[in-house]
Structures are given as structure tokens and as C-alpha cells.
Amino acid sequence: MKIVTAHILQTGEVVYWAANGAWAKRIEDAAPISDELADDALAIARSQPTIVTNAYLVGVEAPGRPSPREFLRETIRANGPSVRRDLGKQAEGGQ
């Protein structure tokens, strides 16, 4: 199982491809994609260069839960900057 993640082009904010076909701000809203369809989903994400940049796949154990290999990086990306807790998603009452 995988999810697609990227950065919003204008702001650099981390986003995730959601089931409704839009980009979501929270990893919990990411749409899990089967391994067989993951490359197609990534191609769709990468075909939106005026919206997102640096789209890539992340393996997940369950929706909203990065796999152990990618856990640290994706946890930091999902929660916001690690150097200032008063900024980013954690300041908004996120994870």
C-alpha cells in the first residue's frame, strides 16, 4: 500500500493525494493506493506541475501511517518544522 505526497508549488506546504482527487494537508486524509496502481497515481500527481512539486510515493502500513523505512522523514513532514513547535501543523493543533 502506498500514498502520494508532494509540496504545494506556491507555499512549499506538504500535501497528500486524497480519495476525492484533491490535495489534503493531513496525512490521515491521504488515499491509500495499491502497489499495482501506485505508478499511475504518481504520474497523475506529477502531471500537475502548476499545483504541486516533488511528488513521490510513500509506503504505508495503514492509512496515515508511514512504513518504518520512511517513518522519521514522513513523520517530520506530516507534523511540520521540527525546530519550532510554534510553526506549522503542530501550532495549528495538528499531530
Protein backbone atom coordinates (compact mmCIF):
# COMPACT_ATOMS: atom_id res chain seq x y z
CA MET A 1 0.00 0.00 0.00
CA LYS A 2 1.26 3.50 -0.84
CA ILE A 3 0.23 7.16 -0.69
CA VAL A 4 1.29 10.08 -2.88
CA THR A 5 2.82 13.14 -1.25
CA ALA A 6 4.12 16.41 -2.68
CA HIS A 7 4.63 20.10 -1.91
CA ILE A 8 2.26 22.89 -2.91
CA LEU A 9 4.18 24.89 -5.52
CA GLN A 10 3.28 28.34 -4.19
CA THR A 11 3.82 27.72 -0.46
CA GLY A 12 6.00 24.63 -0.12
CA GLU A 13 3.45 23.07 2.24
CA VAL A 14 3.38 19.27 2.42
CA VAL A 15 0.23 17.71 0.94
CA TYR A 16 -1.18 14.24 0.27
CA TRP A 17 -3.36 12.92 -2.56
CA ALA A 18 -6.84 12.31 -1.14
CA ALA A 19 -9.60 9.96 -2.28
CA ASN A 20 -11.65 12.86 -3.67
CA GLY A 21 -8.87 13.70 -6.14
CA ALA A 22 -7.73 16.82 -4.30
CA TRP A 23 -4.63 17.54 -2.26
CA ALA A 24 -5.08 17.26 1.53
CA LYS A 25 -2.95 18.87 4.24
CA ARG A 26 -3.12 15.94 6.69
CA ILE A 27 -1.55 12.53 6.18
CA GLU A 28 -4.68 10.97 7.70
CA ASP A 29 -6.61 12.19 4.66
CA ALA A 30 -4.26 10.52 2.16
CA ALA A 31 -5.85 7.92 -0.09
CA PRO A 32 -4.14 4.54 0.18
CA ILE A 33 -3.26 3.18 -3.24
CA SER A 34 -2.50 -0.42 -4.13
CA ASP A 35 1.06 -1.16 -5.22
CA GLU A 36 -0.26 -2.07 -8.69
CA LEU A 37 -1.84 1.37 -9.19
CA ALA A 38 0.81 3.45 -7.42
CA ASP A 39 2.83 4.36 -10.52
CA ASP A 40 -0.31 5.56 -12.31
CA ALA A 41 -1.31 7.71 -9.32
CA LEU A 42 2.19 9.19 -9.18
CA ALA A 43 2.03 10.03 -12.89
CA ILE A 44 -1.25 11.89 -12.32
CA ALA A 45 0.28 13.85 -9.44
CA ARG A 46 3.33 14.73 -11.49
CA SER A 47 1.10 15.94 -14.34
CA GLN A 48 0.09 18.90 -12.12
CA PRO A 49 3.31 20.98 -12.17
CA THR A 50 1.42 24.24 -11.66
CA ILE A 51 -0.08 22.92 -8.41
CA VAL A 52 2.49 20.63 -6.78
CA THR A 53 6.16 19.81 -6.98
CA ASN A 54 8.37 16.92 -5.85
CA ALA A 55 5.57 14.32 -5.88
CA TYR A 56 6.61 10.86 -4.73
CA LEU A 57 5.26 7.64 -3.24
CA VAL A 58 5.43 6.65 0.41
CA GLY A 59 4.86 3.10 1.58
CA VAL A 60 2.26 2.85 4.33
CA GLU A 61 1.23 0.12 6.74
CA ALA A 62 -2.22 1.67 7.15
CA PRO A 63 -3.75 4.97 6.02
CA GLY A 64 -1.95 7.86 7.68
CA ARG A 65 0.85 5.65 8.97
CA PRO A 66 4.20 5.69 7.09
CA SER A 67 6.16 2.46 6.91
CA PRO A 68 9.14 2.02 9.27
CA ARG A 69 11.69 2.64 6.49
CA GLU A 70 10.24 6.10 5.88
CA PHE A 71 8.83 6.78 9.34
CA LEU A 72 11.16 9.54 10.58
CA ARG A 73 11.17 11.63 7.41
CA GLU A 74 7.43 11.36 6.84
CA THR A 75 6.60 11.98 10.50
CA ILE A 76 8.56 15.23 10.36
CA ARG A 77 6.92 16.21 7.06
CA ALA A 78 3.44 15.41 8.40
CA ASN A 79 3.92 17.36 11.62
CA GLY A 80 5.71 20.45 10.38
CA PRO A 81 9.06 22.01 11.25
CA SER A 82 10.96 20.18 13.97
CA VAL A 83 12.92 23.21 15.13
CA ARG A 84 9.98 25.42 16.13
CA ARG A 85 6.84 23.97 17.67
CA ASP A 86 5.07 27.33 17.29
CA LEU A 87 5.01 27.00 13.48
CA GLY A 88 3.42 24.60 11.06
CA LYS A 89 0.81 21.95 11.65
CA GLN A 90 1.72 21.37 15.28
CA ALA A 91 0.98 25.03 16.05
CA GLU A 92 -2.44 24.58 14.45
CA GLY A 93 -3.28 21.77 16.85
CA GLY A 94 -2.25 19.05 14.43
CA GLN A 95 -0.48 15.87 15.21
